[in-house]
Each structure stands twice: as C-alpha cells, then as structure tokens.
C-alpha cells in the first residue's frame, strides 16, 4: 500500500473536536477545532462535526495529493472499529454509529479508534515515544484514557478498548466514576473530576490538587509498568500539560514509590511531544495503520 496521499484526521473529545489533513510525514496541513456542543441531540453534534470536516477538506491544494482515507480518534468506550461509540464525556452519543456516519458523510475508507490509543500511535510515530517498542500513551484531560504499545504493536483488545487506564482503581474508597465504579483514575484525576471535587475548574487548581492529580496518575502508571514490563509513559491532555512540571514530578515520585520490580523500577513519565497537533497526528496514524502503513516501524 502506498503512503502517497492525505488522511482526513478527526479527533472527537468531550471538550473539543478537531479536524485536519495529514500526510505521510505526520504534519497537518491545517488544524481546525470547535468546542464540543453541550447538547443531548446526537445528530446535532454530528452536524457540527460535519461542518468542521468540510473546513478541513478545504485545505487540500487544488493540485495536491488525494485524500485517501478518514482516520478518527474518539473518546470511549466503543465497539470494535467505532461501529458504535458511547464516550463517557459526550452524553449525546450512546451507541452512536460513528464509523458509518463518517464513512457516509466523507465517502472515504474510514477507520475509528479510541482517541488515547490514537495518541499513543501518534507519539510512537512522530512524538516522544518514537523508536520505543514498549510504552503507555495517556491523555489526562476532560477524561482519562490510554493506549498501550507492547513489542512494537498497538494493543486493541476484543472491542478496541485495550489500555483504558482511566478505569484502573487508584482509590478504593474514592469518588464515584461515571462508569459506575468507585475510585477510578478518571474519577480522581480528570478535569471533570477535579471540578466536581474542588468546585473549581481544573485551570484554577491549587498546588495540593495538582500534586494529588499527579500522584493518582503515577499510581496507575506504576501498576501498568509492572503488569506489562514497560519503562515509559507519555502523557498528553489539557490537565496534565496545563499542570506542568509539578504534576509530572508528583507522578514520577509516585511511580518510584510503587514500582519496585527489577523490570518496572526506573519507569519514566514524560510529557507528550506532539503538542496541540498530537490528536490529529494520532488520528492520521489510525488511518495509515489500517491502510497497511507501518507507523511504528515494524509490520502492521
């Protein structure tokens, strides 16, 4: 399969939606975003996404390469291939047929995956995990998600939900999660959880909240490092990147306190390397991967 052409990359999250055209070099031609509508109408939300897609498609130069596929990252959980999606932070979509709606609207071969898995792919392709065969990619934002690369391969799981670190229990007697469990990482460290616990948006978090959030994330990472024999976690998302160095220092300290096996001791957490382009690069990587292009440096 040739890597000539462009991927229509689409990212759908609880706070924002983004779209852009991305080539085989991993560089978006444009980056268009809108706030995710706060609506109970799933079709209205998709209509906003469709307008965003139209704007992104307008970036293609008249004599430029063709758009060969649509790659999308969306919050989960979902059924395999994004046949239906039920993002915990998008209440309007419960069992929403995202794959078919995107394919119908764009008339392109369409591939959908969890947004954090997409981010993990993108970071291994062009970001902070490039050249690393075993790592965890995480998004700590409105919600908390993750993707796992083991032995150079992205793990999928039965329904494409492997790596959903947001639902590891980090506080057994903690807060109620939207999934119905108590003490999930998402219920303790997401932007939504921070606002609910403190009564203030995450952007206004005090020093203690920042440290606690990093500690919770580090606790989850330590468990994953010991479970899967990996030494690196790459973290993106508005909460993690917005909190900055105090967050990462607290997370690293907790990893050091919890990961004591020979193979997990020394595991490192670092900020994702792709910045604001990460979600689109990841969504494009989903598209290239399913077209047979080896974005992680080995056979797909």
C-alpha atoms as a PDB file:
ATOM      1  CA  UNK A   1       0.000   0.000   0.000  1.00  0.00           C
ATOM      2  CA  UNK A   2       1.435   3.378  -0.999  1.00  0.00           C
ATOM      3  CA  UNK A   3       1.756   6.157   1.576  1.00  0.00           C
ATOM      4  CA  UNK A   4       1.032   8.835  -1.040  1.00  0.00           C
ATOM      5  CA  UNK A   5      -1.977  10.970  -0.267  1.00  0.00           C
ATOM      6  CA  UNK A   6      -3.568  12.625   2.718  1.00  0.00           C
ATOM      7  CA  UNK A   7      -5.577  11.362   5.653  1.00  0.00           C
ATOM      8  CA  UNK A   8      -8.593  13.308   6.834  1.00  0.00           C
ATOM      9  CA  UNK A   9      -7.835  13.227  10.568  1.00  0.00           C
ATOM     10  CA  UNK A  10     -10.693  13.731  13.028  1.00  0.00           C
ATOM     11  CA  UNK A  11     -10.453  13.987  16.818  1.00  0.00           C
ATOM     12  CA  UNK A  12     -13.575  13.935  18.996  1.00  0.00           C
ATOM     13  CA  UNK A  13     -13.376  14.697  22.699  1.00  0.00           C
ATOM     14  CA  UNK A  14     -15.613  15.865  25.482  1.00  0.00           C
ATOM     15  CA  UNK A  15     -14.337  19.453  25.313  1.00  0.00           C
ATOM     16  CA  UNK A  16     -13.358  19.956  21.691  1.00  0.00           C
ATOM     17  CA  UNK A  17     -13.483  18.431  18.232  1.00  0.00           C
ATOM     18  CA  UNK A  18     -10.692  18.900  15.688  1.00  0.00           C
ATOM     19  CA  UNK A  19     -10.050  18.017  12.065  1.00  0.00           C
ATOM     20  CA  UNK A  20      -7.244  18.434   9.558  1.00  0.00           C
ATOM     21  CA  UNK A  21      -5.480  16.844   6.603  1.00  0.00           C
ATOM     22  CA  UNK A  22      -2.276  14.962   7.454  1.00  0.00           C
ATOM     23  CA  UNK A  23       0.258  13.500   5.045  1.00  0.00           C
ATOM     24  CA  UNK A  24       2.691  10.616   5.405  1.00  0.00           C
ATOM     25  CA  UNK A  25       5.158  13.000   7.092  1.00  0.00           C
ATOM     26  CA  UNK A  26       2.762  13.433  10.031  1.00  0.00           C
ATOM     27  CA  UNK A  27       2.430  17.194   9.578  1.00  0.00           C
ATOM     28  CA  UNK A  28      -1.119  18.626   9.494  1.00  0.00           C
ATOM     29  CA  UNK A  29      -1.849  20.987   6.609  1.00  0.00           C
ATOM     30  CA  UNK A  30      -4.268  22.786   8.918  1.00  0.00           C
ATOM     31  CA  UNK A  31      -5.698  22.403  12.374  1.00  0.00           C
ATOM     32  CA  UNK A  32      -9.350  23.316  12.821  1.00  0.00           C
ATOM     33  CA  UNK A  33     -11.212  22.946  16.096  1.00  0.00           C
ATOM     34  CA  UNK A  34     -14.527  23.801  17.704  1.00  0.00           C
ATOM     35  CA  UNK A  35     -15.942  23.299  21.167  1.00  0.00           C
ATOM     36  CA  UNK A  36     -17.909  20.078  21.535  1.00  0.00           C
ATOM     37  CA  UNK A  37     -21.554  21.173  21.712  1.00  0.00           C
ATOM     38  CA  UNK A  38     -23.292  20.676  25.031  1.00  0.00           C
ATOM     39  CA  UNK A  39     -26.355  19.051  23.594  1.00  0.00           C
ATOM     40  CA  UNK A  40     -28.490  15.977  24.092  1.00  0.00           C
ATOM     41  CA  UNK A  41     -29.024  15.749  20.331  1.00  0.00           C
ATOM     42  CA  UNK A  42     -26.528  13.300  18.821  1.00  0.00           C
ATOM     43  CA  UNK A  43     -27.388  14.279  15.260  1.00  0.00           C
ATOM     44  CA  UNK A  44     -26.837  17.960  16.025  1.00  0.00           C
ATOM     45  CA  UNK A  45     -23.430  17.141  17.448  1.00  0.00           C
ATOM     46  CA  UNK A  46     -22.542  15.204  14.306  1.00  0.00           C
ATOM     47  CA  UNK A  47     -23.723  18.125  12.161  1.00  0.00           C
ATOM     48  CA  UNK A  48     -21.172  20.347  13.933  1.00  0.00           C
ATOM     49  CA  UNK A  49     -18.502  17.744  13.250  1.00  0.00           C
ATOM     50  CA  UNK A  50     -19.527  17.571   9.584  1.00  0.00           C
ATOM     51  CA  UNK A  51     -19.076  21.335   9.175  1.00  0.00           C
ATOM     52  CA  UNK A  52     -15.638  21.049  10.766  1.00  0.00           C
ATOM     53  CA  UNK A  53     -14.726  18.271   8.325  1.00  0.00           C
ATOM     54  CA  UNK A  54     -15.795  20.442   5.386  1.00  0.00           C
ATOM     55  CA  UNK A  55     -13.486  23.196   6.623  1.00  0.00           C
ATOM     56  CA  UNK A  56     -10.576  20.776   6.905  1.00  0.00           C
ATOM     57  CA  UNK A  57     -11.130  19.372   3.426  1.00  0.00           C
ATOM     58  CA  UNK A  58     -10.892  22.893   2.019  1.00  0.00           C
ATOM     59  CA  UNK A  59      -7.179  22.883   2.991  1.00  0.00           C
ATOM     60  CA  UNK A  60      -6.322  20.454   0.208  1.00  0.00           C
ATOM     61  CA  UNK A  61      -4.434  22.306  -2.563  1.00  0.00           C
ATOM     62  CA  UNK A  62      -6.190  22.029  -5.956  1.00  0.00           C
ATOM     63  CA  UNK A  63      -3.236  20.121  -7.430  1.00  0.00           C
ATOM     64  CA  UNK A  64      -2.319  18.382  -4.187  1.00  0.00           C
ATOM     65  CA  UNK A  65      -2.372  14.676  -3.343  1.00  0.00           C
ATOM     66  CA  UNK A  66      -5.749  12.987  -2.913  1.00  0.00           C
ATOM     67  CA  UNK A  67      -7.452  12.365   0.405  1.00  0.00           C
ATOM     68  CA  UNK A  68      -7.261   8.583   0.643  1.00  0.00           C
ATOM     69  CA  UNK A  69      -8.994   7.812   3.958  1.00  0.00           C
ATOM     70  CA  UNK A  70     -10.527   9.191   7.133  1.00  0.00           C
ATOM     71  CA  UNK A  71      -8.869   8.326  10.438  1.00  0.00           C
ATOM     72  CA  UNK A  72     -10.717   9.237  13.632  1.00  0.00           C
ATOM     73  CA  UNK A  73      -9.978   9.170  17.336  1.00  0.00           C
ATOM     74  CA  UNK A  74     -12.942   9.331  19.690  1.00  0.00           C
ATOM     75  CA  UNK A  75     -13.424   9.015  23.411  1.00  0.00           C
ATOM     76  CA  UNK A  76     -14.584   5.590  24.523  1.00  0.00           C
ATOM     77  CA  UNK A  77     -15.795   3.084  25.265  1.00  0.00           C
ATOM     78  CA  UNK A  78     -16.725   1.826  21.816  1.00  0.00           C
ATOM     79  CA  UNK A  79     -17.390  -1.344  19.923  1.00  0.00           C
ATOM     80  CA  UNK A  80     -14.767  -2.600  17.525  1.00  0.00           C
ATOM     81  CA  UNK A  81     -13.780  -0.184  14.798  1.00  0.00           C
ATOM     82  CA  UNK A  82     -16.017   2.536  16.230  1.00  0.00           C
ATOM     83  CA  UNK A  83     -19.124   0.796  14.903  1.00  0.00           C
ATOM     84  CA  UNK A  84     -20.803   2.372  17.907  1.00  0.00           C
ATOM     85  CA  UNK A  85     -19.325   4.831  20.403  1.00  0.00           C
ATOM     86  CA  UNK A  86     -20.514   5.802  23.876  1.00  0.00           C
ATOM     87  CA  UNK A  87     -17.977   8.365  25.148  1.00  0.00           C
ATOM     88  CA  UNK A  88     -18.246   8.853  28.884  1.00  0.00           C
ATOM     89  CA  UNK A  89     -17.957  12.619  28.421  1.00  0.00           C
ATOM     90  CA  UNK A  90     -20.342  13.002  25.459  1.00  0.00           C
ATOM     91  CA  UNK A  91     -23.769  12.161  26.777  1.00  0.00           C
ATOM     92  CA  UNK A  92     -25.472  12.758  23.420  1.00  0.00           C
ATOM     93  CA  UNK A  93     -23.727   9.734  21.938  1.00  0.00           C
ATOM     94  CA  UNK A  94     -24.802   6.426  23.422  1.00  0.00           C
ATOM     95  CA  UNK A  95     -24.391   3.620  20.927  1.00  0.00           C
ATOM     96  CA  UNK A  96     -23.840   6.251  18.230  1.00  0.00           C
ATOM     97  CA  UNK A  97     -22.868   4.691  14.846  1.00  0.00           C
ATOM     98  CA  UNK A  98     -19.815   6.882  14.339  1.00  0.00           C
ATOM     99  CA  UNK A  99     -17.982   4.751  11.786  1.00  0.00           C
ATOM    100  CA  UNK A 100     -20.903   4.520   9.389  1.00  0.00           C
ATOM    101  CA  UNK A 101     -21.866   8.161   9.795  1.00  0.00           C
ATOM    102  CA  UNK A 102     -18.313   9.313   8.999  1.00  0.00           C
ATOM    103  CA  UNK A 103     -17.983   6.908   6.085  1.00  0.00           C
ATOM    104  CA  UNK A 104     -21.297   8.014   4.640  1.00  0.00           C
ATOM    105  CA  UNK A 105     -20.535  11.709   5.030  1.00  0.00           C
ATOM    106  CA  UNK A 106     -16.975  11.645   3.685  1.00  0.00           C
ATOM    107  CA  UNK A 107     -17.320   8.826   1.094  1.00  0.00           C
ATOM    108  CA  UNK A 108     -13.851   7.707   2.214  1.00  0.00           C
ATOM    109  CA  UNK A 109     -12.500   4.467   3.660  1.00  0.00           C
ATOM    110  CA  UNK A 110     -12.976   5.209   7.365  1.00  0.00           C
ATOM    111  CA  UNK A 111     -11.176   3.899  10.438  1.00  0.00           C
ATOM    112  CA  UNK A 112     -12.102   4.780  14.019  1.00  0.00           C
ATOM    113  CA  UNK A 113     -10.245   4.061  17.250  1.00  0.00           C
ATOM    114  CA  UNK A 114     -10.132   5.277  20.828  1.00  0.00           C
ATOM    115  CA  UNK A 115      -8.618   8.764  20.969  1.00  0.00           C
ATOM    116  CA  UNK A 116      -5.996   7.819  23.561  1.00  0.00           C
ATOM    117  CA  UNK A 117      -4.941   4.803  21.505  1.00  0.00           C
ATOM    118  CA  UNK A 118      -4.649   7.149  18.555  1.00  0.00           C
ATOM    119  CA  UNK A 119      -2.494   9.475  20.637  1.00  0.00           C
ATOM    120  CA  UNK A 120      -0.260   6.544  21.586  1.00  0.00           C
ATOM    121  CA  UNK A 121       0.176   5.677  17.913  1.00  0.00           C
ATOM    122  CA  UNK A 122       0.995   9.266  17.034  1.00  0.00           C
ATOM    123  CA  UNK A 123       3.577   9.608  19.790  1.00  0.00           C
ATOM    124  CA  UNK A 124       5.276   6.413  18.627  1.00  0.00           C
ATOM    125  CA  UNK A 125       5.185   7.619  15.029  1.00  0.00           C
ATOM    126  CA  UNK A 126       6.359  11.211  15.383  1.00  0.00           C
ATOM    127  CA  UNK A 127       6.473  12.085  19.080  1.00  0.00           C
ATOM    128  CA  UNK A 128       8.098  11.395  22.440  1.00  0.00           C
ATOM    129  CA  UNK A 129       7.909   7.588  22.120  1.00  0.00           C
ATOM    130  CA  UNK A 130       9.458   7.382  18.661  1.00  0.00           C
ATOM    131  CA  UNK A 131      11.727   4.343  18.448  1.00  0.00           C
ATOM    132  CA  UNK A 132      10.402   2.843  21.716  1.00  0.00           C
ATOM    133  CA  UNK A 133       8.872  -0.639  21.451  1.00  0.00           C
ATOM    134  CA  UNK A 134       7.045  -0.731  24.805  1.00  0.00           C
ATOM    135  CA  UNK A 135       5.212   2.255  26.254  1.00  0.00           C
ATOM    136  CA  UNK A 136       1.947   3.647  27.572  1.00  0.00           C
ATOM    137  CA  UNK A 137       0.322   6.665  25.950  1.00  0.00           C
ATOM    138  CA  UNK A 138      -2.114   8.631  28.105  1.00  0.00           C
ATOM    139  CA  UNK A 139      -4.481  11.563  27.828  1.00  0.00           C
ATOM    140  CA  UNK A 140      -5.379  13.383  31.050  1.00  0.00           C
ATOM    141  CA  UNK A 141      -7.964  15.936  30.033  1.00  0.00           C
ATOM    142  CA  UNK A 142     -11.749  16.146  30.374  1.00  0.00           C
ATOM    143  CA  UNK A 143     -11.490  12.379  30.895  1.00  0.00           C
ATOM    144  CA  UNK A 144      -8.568   9.975  31.211  1.00  0.00           C
ATOM    145  CA  UNK A 145      -7.706   7.447  28.512  1.00  0.00           C
ATOM    146  CA  UNK A 146      -4.761   5.363  27.429  1.00  0.00           C
ATOM    147  CA  UNK A 147      -3.225   3.240  24.715  1.00  0.00           C
ATOM    148  CA  UNK A 148      -0.572   0.532  25.013  1.00  0.00           C
ATOM    149  CA  UNK A 149       2.222  -0.373  22.631  1.00  0.00           C
ATOM    150  CA  UNK A 150       3.854  -3.700  23.510  1.00  0.00           C
ATOM    151  CA  UNK A 151       6.575  -5.326  21.416  1.00  0.00           C
ATOM    152  CA  UNK A 152       6.108  -2.568  18.867  1.00  0.00           C
ATOM    153  CA  UNK A 153       2.394  -3.228  18.361  1.00  0.00           C
ATOM    154  CA  UNK A 154      -0.626  -1.259  19.487  1.00  0.00           C
ATOM    155  CA  UNK A 155      -2.860  -3.451  21.653  1.00  0.00           C
ATOM    156  CA  UNK A 156      -6.508  -3.474  20.566  1.00  0.00           C
ATOM    157  CA  UNK A 157      -8.473  -5.856  22.774  1.00  0.00           C
ATOM    158  CA  UNK A 158     -11.747  -7.524  21.910  1.00  0.00           C
ATOM    159  CA  UNK A 159     -13.632  -4.274  21.178  1.00  0.00           C
ATOM    160  CA  UNK A 160     -10.727  -1.862  20.567  1.00  0.00           C
ATOM    161  CA  UNK A 161     -10.742  -0.620  24.189  1.00  0.00           C
ATOM    162  CA  UNK A 162      -7.386  -2.005  25.405  1.00  0.00           C
ATOM    163  CA  UNK A 163      -5.395   0.437  27.522  1.00  0.00           C
ATOM    164  CA  UNK A 164      -8.331   2.284  29.092  1.00  0.00           C
ATOM    165  CA  UNK A 165      -6.245   3.300  32.101  1.00  0.00           C
ATOM    166  CA  UNK A 166      -8.888   5.791  33.234  1.00  0.00           C
ATOM    167  CA  UNK A 167     -10.737   2.911  34.852  1.00  0.00           C
ATOM    168  CA  UNK A 168      -7.916   1.456  36.891  1.00  0.00           C
ATOM    169  CA  UNK A 169      -8.876   1.792  40.562  1.00  0.00           C
ATOM    170  CA  UNK A 170      -6.461   4.149  42.321  1.00  0.00           C
ATOM    171  CA  UNK A 171      -8.559   5.000  45.404  1.00  0.00           C
ATOM    172  CA  UNK A 172     -10.711   2.045  46.562  1.00  0.00           C
ATOM    173  CA  UNK A 173     -12.779   4.345  48.793  1.00  0.00           C
ATOM    174  CA  UNK A 174     -12.671   7.275  46.395  1.00  0.00           C
ATOM    175  CA  UNK A 175     -15.187   9.106  44.270  1.00  0.00           C
ATOM    176  CA  UNK A 176     -17.949   7.661  42.130  1.00  0.00           C
ATOM    177  CA  UNK A 177     -16.985   7.386  38.468  1.00  0.00           C
ATOM    178  CA  UNK A 178     -19.278   7.929  35.518  1.00  0.00           C
ATOM    179  CA  UNK A 179     -18.786   4.253  34.669  1.00  0.00           C
ATOM    180  CA  UNK A 180     -20.457   3.287  37.970  1.00  0.00           C
ATOM    181  CA  UNK A 181     -17.352   2.140  39.835  1.00  0.00           C
ATOM    182  CA  UNK A 182     -15.694   3.926  42.758  1.00  0.00           C
ATOM    183  CA  UNK A 183     -12.146   5.266  42.784  1.00  0.00           C
ATOM    184  CA  UNK A 184     -11.284   5.058  39.067  1.00  0.00           C
ATOM    185  CA  UNK A 185      -8.404   7.218  37.904  1.00  0.00           C
ATOM    186  CA  UNK A 186     -10.894   9.165  35.775  1.00  0.00           C
ATOM    187  CA  UNK A 187     -12.978   9.873  38.881  1.00  0.00           C
ATOM    188  CA  UNK A 188      -9.929  11.205  40.734  1.00  0.00           C
ATOM    189  CA  UNK A 189      -7.703  12.923  38.165  1.00  0.00           C
ATOM    190  CA  UNK A 190      -9.719  14.074  35.125  1.00  0.00           C
ATOM    191  CA  UNK A 191     -10.678  17.677  34.536  1.00  0.00           C
ATOM    192  CA  UNK A 192     -14.307  16.737  35.130  1.00  0.00           C
ATOM    193  CA  UNK A 193     -13.437  15.061  38.431  1.00  0.00           C
ATOM    194  CA  UNK A 194     -11.263  17.931  39.631  1.00  0.00           C
ATOM    195  CA  UNK A 195     -14.095  20.403  39.027  1.00  0.00           C
ATOM    196  CA  UNK A 196     -16.544  18.167  40.857  1.00  0.00           C
ATOM    197  CA  UNK A 197     -14.235  17.513  43.827  1.00  0.00           C
ATOM    198  CA  UNK A 198     -12.909  21.049  44.297  1.00  0.00           C
ATOM    199  CA  UNK A 199     -15.780  23.150  42.972  1.00  0.00           C
ATOM    200  CA  UNK A 200     -13.385  24.941  40.599  1.00  0.00           C
ATOM    201  CA  UNK A 201     -12.299  24.236  37.034  1.00  0.00           C
ATOM    202  CA  UNK A 202      -9.023  22.402  36.618  1.00  0.00           C
ATOM    203  CA  UNK A 203      -7.387  25.568  35.263  1.00  0.00           C
ATOM    204  CA  UNK A 204      -7.806  27.073  38.741  1.00  0.00           C
ATOM    205  CA  UNK A 205      -6.438  24.094  40.666  1.00  0.00           C
ATOM    206  CA  UNK A 206      -4.280  24.845  43.685  1.00  0.00           C
ATOM    207  CA  UNK A 207      -0.888  23.281  44.353  1.00  0.00           C
ATOM    208  CA  UNK A 208      -2.271  20.473  46.506  1.00  0.00           C
ATOM    209  CA  UNK A 209      -4.746  19.455  43.787  1.00  0.00           C
ATOM    210  CA  UNK A 210      -2.010  19.429  41.152  1.00  0.00           C
ATOM    211  CA  UNK A 211       0.180  17.208  43.300  1.00  0.00           C
ATOM    212  CA  UNK A 212      -2.693  14.873  44.144  1.00  0.00           C
ATOM    213  CA  UNK A 213      -3.624  14.569  40.468  1.00  0.00           C
ATOM    214  CA  UNK A 214      -0.056  13.702  39.513  1.00  0.00           C
ATOM    215  CA  UNK A 215       0.120  11.192  42.348  1.00  0.00           C
ATOM    216  CA  UNK A 216      -3.025   9.409  41.164  1.00  0.00           C
ATOM    217  CA  UNK A 217      -1.688   9.230  37.610  1.00  0.00           C
ATOM    218  CA  UNK A 218       1.681   7.957  38.820  1.00  0.00           C
ATOM    219  CA  UNK A 219      -0.055   5.267  40.871  1.00  0.00           C
ATOM    220  CA  UNK A 220      -1.856   3.974  37.785  1.00  0.00           C
ATOM    221  CA  UNK A 221       1.277   4.128  35.645  1.00  0.00           C
ATOM    222  CA  UNK A 222       3.236   2.131  38.213  1.00  0.00           C
ATOM    223  CA  UNK A 223       0.647  -0.643  38.066  1.00  0.00           C
ATOM    224  CA  UNK A 224       0.746  -0.731  34.267  1.00  0.00           C
ATOM    225  CA  UNK A 225       4.557  -0.721  34.211  1.00  0.00           C
ATOM    226  CA  UNK A 226       4.612  -3.754  36.489  1.00  0.00           C
ATOM    227  CA  UNK A 227       1.835  -5.531  34.619  1.00  0.00           C
ATOM    228  CA  UNK A 228       3.252  -5.084  31.112  1.00  0.00           C
ATOM    229  CA  UNK A 229       7.007  -4.742  31.593  1.00  0.00           C
ATOM    230  CA  UNK A 230       7.388  -1.253  30.185  1.00  0.00           C
ATOM    231  CA  UNK A 231       9.546   1.707  31.135  1.00  0.00           C
ATOM    232  CA  UNK A 232       7.865   4.728  29.569  1.00  0.00           C
ATOM    233  CA  UNK A 233       4.570   6.593  29.889  1.00  0.00           C
ATOM    234  CA  UNK A 234       3.918   9.533  27.560  1.00  0.00           C
ATOM    235  CA  UNK A 235       1.169  11.849  28.749  1.00  0.00           C
ATOM    236  CA  UNK A 236      -0.847  14.464  26.874  1.00  0.00           C
ATOM    237  CA  UNK A 237      -4.075  16.331  27.612  1.00  0.00           C
ATOM    238  CA  UNK A 238      -5.050  19.758  28.883  1.00  0.00           C
ATOM    239  CA  UNK A 239      -4.914  18.802  32.562  1.00  0.00           C
ATOM    240  CA  UNK A 240      -1.511  17.107  32.509  1.00  0.00           C
ATOM    241  CA  UNK A 241       0.156  19.633  30.221  1.00  0.00           C
ATOM    242  CA  UNK A 242      -1.589  22.563  31.884  1.00  0.00           C
ATOM    243  CA  UNK A 243      -0.414  21.472  35.343  1.00  0.00           C
ATOM    244  CA  UNK A 244       3.105  21.095  34.022  1.00  0.00           C
ATOM    245  CA  UNK A 245       6.212  20.238  35.994  1.00  0.00           C
ATOM    246  CA  UNK A 246       4.613  19.889  39.472  1.00  0.00           C
ATOM    247  CA  UNK A 247       2.190  17.320  38.047  1.00  0.00           C
ATOM    248  CA  UNK A 248       4.947  15.312  36.356  1.00  0.00           C
ATOM    249  CA  UNK A 249       7.206  15.496  39.407  1.00  0.00           C
ATOM    250  CA  UNK A 250       4.437  14.151  41.651  1.00  0.00           C
ATOM    251  CA  UNK A 251       3.646  11.394  39.160  1.00  0.00           C
ATOM    252  CA  UNK A 252       7.303  10.396  38.886  1.00  0.00           C
ATOM    253  CA  UNK A 253       7.669  10.305  42.661  1.00  0.00           C
ATOM    254  CA  UNK A 254       4.655   8.013  42.971  1.00  0.00           C
ATOM    255  CA  UNK A 255       5.995   5.687  40.273  1.00  0.00           C
ATOM    256  CA  UNK A 256       9.253   5.497  42.187  1.00  0.00           C
ATOM    257  CA  UNK A 257       7.390   4.691  45.395  1.00  0.00           C
ATOM    258  CA  UNK A 258       5.201   1.975  43.828  1.00  0.00           C
ATOM    259  CA  UNK A 259       7.192   0.258  41.050  1.00  0.00           C
ATOM    260  CA  UNK A 260       9.827  -1.933  42.700  1.00  0.00           C
ATOM    261  CA  UNK A 261      10.241  -4.944  40.440  1.00  0.00           C
ATOM    262  CA  UNK A 262      13.541  -5.087  38.588  1.00  0.00           C
ATOM    263  CA  UNK A 263      11.815  -4.524  35.250  1.00  0.00           C
ATOM    264  CA  UNK A 264       9.472  -1.745  36.386  1.00  0.00           C
ATOM    265  CA  UNK A 265      11.867   0.127  38.664  1.00  0.00           C
ATOM    266  CA  UNK A 266      13.011   3.273  36.889  1.00  0.00           C
ATOM    267  CA  UNK A 267       9.911   3.669  34.744  1.00  0.00           C
ATOM    268  CA  UNK A 268       9.669   7.229  33.449  1.00  0.00           C
ATOM    269  CA  UNK A 269       6.726   9.532  32.798  1.00  0.00           C
ATOM    270  CA  UNK A 270       7.157  12.405  30.382  1.00  0.00           C
ATOM    271  CA  UNK A 271       5.089  14.961  28.527  1.00  0.00           C
ATOM    272  CA  UNK A 272       3.886  14.044  25.051  1.00  0.00           C
ATOM    273  CA  UNK A 273       5.990  15.528  22.291  1.00  0.00           C
ATOM    274  CA  UNK A 274       3.454  16.484  19.628  1.00  0.00           C
ATOM    275  CA  UNK A 275       1.752  19.333  21.458  1.00  0.00           C
ATOM    276  CA  UNK A 276      -1.540  20.622  20.084  1.00  0.00           C
ATOM    277  CA  UNK A 277      -1.122  18.576  16.903  1.00  0.00           C
ATOM    278  CA  UNK A 278      -0.998  15.278  18.819  1.00  0.00           C
ATOM    279  CA  UNK A 279      -4.672  14.297  18.477  1.00  0.00           C
ATOM    280  CA  UNK A 280      -4.702  14.904  14.713  1.00  0.00           C
ATOM    281  CA  UNK A 281      -1.376  13.159  14.135  1.00  0.00           C
ATOM    282  CA  UNK A 282      -2.741  10.246  16.153  1.00  0.00           C
ATOM    283  CA  UNK A 283      -5.983  10.128  14.177  1.00  0.00           C
ATOM    284  CA  UNK A 284      -3.976  10.167  10.962  1.00  0.00           C
ATOM    285  CA  UNK A 285      -1.846   7.320  12.303  1.00  0.00           C
ATOM    286  CA  UNK A 286      -5.060   5.322  12.809  1.00  0.00           C
ATOM    287  CA  UNK A 287      -5.839   5.819   9.129  1.00  0.00           C
ATOM    288  CA  UNK A 288      -2.359   4.953   7.885  1.00  0.00           C
ATOM    289  CA  UNK A 289      -2.200   1.905  10.145  1.00  0.00           C
ATOM    290  CA  UNK A 290      -5.384   0.456   8.706  1.00  0.00           C
ATOM    291  CA  UNK A 291      -4.182   1.163   5.174  1.00  0.00           C
ATOM    292  CA  UNK A 292      -1.172  -1.059   5.941  1.00  0.00           C
ATOM    293  CA  UNK A 293       1.411   1.673   6.537  1.00  0.00           C
ATOM    294  CA  UNK A 294       3.844   0.830   9.324  1.00  0.00           C
ATOM    295  CA  UNK A 295       3.713   3.931  11.534  1.00  0.00           C
ATOM    296  CA  UNK A 296       5.513   2.216  14.444  1.00  0.00           C
ATOM    297  CA  UNK A 297       8.444   0.925  12.470  1.00  0.00           C
ATOM    298  CA  UNK A 298       7.521  -2.739  12.081  1.00  0.00           C
ATOM    299  CA  UNK A 299       4.946  -4.841  10.262  1.00  0.00           C
ATOM    300  CA  UNK A 300       1.336  -3.851  10.994  1.00  0.00           C
END
